[in-house]
Amino acid sequence: MPSWTCPGCRRRFGRKNQSHECAPAGTVDEYFATRAPVQRRAFDAIVRHLEKLGPVVVEAVAVTVMFKRARSFAEVRSRRDRLVLAFLLSRQVDHPRIAKSLKLSANRTVHYVDLRRAADVDRQVREWLTESYASSPS
């Protein structure tokens, strides 16, 4: 689990002095309070799956909700008509469901998937989340 707490925002991180935007954590309920209920249902489907895998920290800030072990391995961001799921993998995935991807380093690529309803958190998305969780430091 995270090992350093920022003295400014009180958020927890896996590395001491982790670079971040110092924004106070909120709650998931606050994050979804003004968003479409369908987005919350998609988010809840993600959480149900991740909780089966093991310990996970869910941290909401104003613009995103992050999923962490020692470090963030996935996050969701609300858009007007969808929830965008971003997850890190140690490989590049070429699949029609991937809206875009960005290579962060030789061994880390972030992938983005649009979720318009809870059913979009299907077997394929759950497999990617499982891989992302497993490849993240604990």
Protein backbone atom coordinates (compact mmCIF):
# COMPACT_ATOMS: atom_id res chain seq x y z
CA MET A 1 0.00 0.00 0.00
CA PRO A 2 1.10 3.64 -0.36
CA SER A 3 4.00 4.60 1.88
CA TRP A 4 4.19 8.41 1.81
CA THR A 5 1.55 10.98 2.75
CA CYS A 6 1.84 14.47 1.26
CA PRO A 7 1.85 16.99 4.11
CA GLY A 8 0.04 19.52 1.90
CA CYS A 9 -2.96 17.58 0.59
CA ARG A 10 -2.84 14.52 2.90
CA ARG A 11 -3.06 12.14 -0.09
CA ARG A 12 -1.02 8.92 0.00
CA PHE A 13 1.55 7.85 -2.59
CA GLY A 14 3.88 4.94 -3.25
CA ARG A 15 7.05 7.05 -3.51
CA LYS A 16 8.36 9.67 -1.12
CA ASN A 17 7.94 13.21 -2.51
CA GLN A 18 5.88 11.86 -5.43
CA SER A 19 5.26 14.58 -8.00
CA HIS A 20 1.56 15.44 -8.06
CA GLU A 21 -0.91 18.27 -8.20
CA CYS A 22 -1.61 18.96 -4.56
CA ALA A 23 -5.40 18.62 -4.57
CA PRO A 24 -7.30 17.38 -1.56
CA ALA A 25 -8.98 14.02 -1.85
CA GLY A 26 -12.75 13.96 -1.95
CA THR A 27 -15.19 11.09 -1.92
CA VAL A 28 -16.51 8.96 -4.73
CA ASP A 29 -20.03 10.11 -3.82
CA GLU A 30 -18.95 13.74 -4.20
CA TYR A 31 -17.30 12.99 -7.54
CA PHE A 32 -20.43 11.39 -8.99
CA ALA A 33 -22.99 13.71 -7.32
CA THR A 34 -23.41 15.88 -10.41
CA ARG A 35 -22.73 13.24 -13.04
CA ALA A 36 -25.08 10.92 -14.90
CA PRO A 37 -26.16 7.88 -12.83
CA VAL A 38 -25.12 5.59 -15.70
CA GLN A 39 -21.51 6.68 -15.13
CA ARG A 40 -21.70 5.73 -11.46
CA ARG A 41 -23.03 2.30 -12.41
CA ALA A 42 -20.09 1.76 -14.79
CA PHE A 43 -17.71 2.87 -12.04
CA ASP A 44 -19.35 0.49 -9.55
CA ALA A 45 -18.88 -2.38 -12.03
CA ILE A 46 -15.15 -1.59 -12.13
CA VAL A 47 -14.92 -1.49 -8.33
CA ARG A 48 -16.77 -4.80 -7.96
CA HIS A 49 -14.23 -6.45 -10.23
CA LEU A 50 -11.15 -4.87 -8.62
CA GLU A 51 -12.29 -5.79 -5.11
CA LYS A 52 -12.20 -9.46 -6.17
CA LEU A 53 -8.51 -9.10 -7.06
CA GLY A 54 -7.25 -7.88 -3.69
CA PRO A 55 -6.62 -4.65 -1.80
CA VAL A 56 -7.18 -1.51 -3.80
CA VAL A 57 -7.26 2.14 -2.76
CA VAL A 58 -9.94 4.23 -4.45
CA GLU A 59 -9.09 7.93 -4.35
CA ALA A 60 -11.30 10.67 -5.75
CA VAL A 61 -10.14 14.18 -6.56
CA ALA A 62 -12.00 16.87 -8.50
CA VAL A 63 -11.14 15.61 -11.99
CA THR A 64 -10.62 11.86 -11.61
CA VAL A 65 -11.03 8.78 -9.46
CA MET A 66 -7.83 6.75 -9.17
CA PHE A 67 -7.32 3.08 -8.39
CA LYS A 68 -4.08 2.38 -6.54
CA ARG A 69 -1.97 -0.30 -5.02
CA ALA A 70 1.40 1.28 -4.11
CA ARG A 71 0.89 3.46 -7.22
CA SER A 72 -2.00 4.29 -9.51
CA PHE A 73 -2.69 1.58 -12.07
CA ALA A 74 -6.02 2.86 -13.42
CA GLU A 75 -8.37 5.82 -13.23
CA VAL A 76 -11.70 7.04 -14.53
CA ARG A 77 -12.63 10.52 -15.73
CA SER A 78 -16.12 11.70 -16.42
CA ARG A 79 -16.96 13.22 -19.77
CA ARG A 80 -20.32 14.60 -20.84
CA ASP A 81 -21.54 11.35 -22.42
CA ARG A 82 -19.19 8.69 -21.05
CA LEU A 83 -16.71 7.58 -18.43
CA VAL A 84 -13.15 7.23 -19.72
CA LEU A 85 -11.21 4.38 -18.14
CA ALA A 86 -7.41 4.67 -18.30
CA PHE A 87 -5.22 1.75 -17.26
CA LEU A 88 -1.51 0.99 -17.36
CA LEU A 89 -0.06 -2.13 -18.95
CA SER A 90 3.50 -3.25 -19.59
CA ARG A 91 2.62 -3.83 -23.24
CA GLN A 92 0.87 -2.07 -26.11
CA VAL A 93 -2.66 -3.33 -26.85
CA ASP A 94 -4.11 -3.09 -30.34
CA HIS A 95 -7.86 -3.61 -29.96
CA PRO A 96 -10.94 -1.82 -31.35
CA ARG A 97 -12.12 -0.98 -27.81
CA ILE A 98 -8.97 1.07 -27.12
CA ALA A 99 -9.86 4.67 -27.97
CA LYS A 100 -6.22 5.76 -27.67
CA SER A 101 -2.97 4.79 -26.00
CA LEU A 102 0.14 6.61 -24.91
CA LYS A 103 3.56 5.05 -24.35
CA LEU A 104 4.90 6.47 -21.08
CA SER A 105 8.18 4.53 -21.01
CA ALA A 106 9.76 1.39 -22.42
CA ASN A 107 7.62 -0.75 -20.12
CA ARG A 108 4.49 1.32 -19.47
CA THR A 109 1.65 2.22 -21.79
CA VAL A 110 -1.60 3.86 -20.75
CA HIS A 111 -4.71 2.74 -22.63
CA TYR A 112 -8.06 4.53 -22.74
CA VAL A 113 -11.47 2.88 -23.09
CA ASP A 114 -14.82 4.67 -23.30
CA LEU A 115 -17.55 3.31 -21.03
CA ARG A 116 -21.09 4.42 -21.76
CA ARG A 117 -22.86 1.92 -19.49
CA ALA A 118 -22.06 -0.71 -16.86
CA ALA A 119 -22.25 -3.51 -19.44
CA ASP A 120 -19.22 -1.97 -21.16
CA VAL A 121 -17.17 -3.28 -18.22
CA ASP A 122 -17.22 -6.63 -19.96
CA ARG A 123 -14.90 -9.63 -19.87
CA GLN A 124 -12.30 -7.90 -22.08
CA VAL A 125 -12.17 -4.75 -19.93
CA ARG A 126 -12.03 -6.85 -16.75
CA GLU A 127 -9.09 -8.83 -18.19
CA TRP A 128 -7.20 -5.60 -18.89
CA LEU A 129 -7.96 -4.32 -15.40
CA THR A 130 -6.77 -7.62 -13.92
CA GLU A 131 -3.51 -7.39 -15.88
CA SER A 132 -3.04 -3.76 -14.87
CA TYR A 133 -3.65 -4.58 -11.21
CA ALA A 134 -1.29 -7.59 -11.31
CA SER A 135 1.53 -5.61 -12.94
CA SER A 136 1.28 -2.76 -10.42
CA PRO A 137 3.58 -2.82 -7.39
CA SER A 138 1.80 -3.79 -4.18
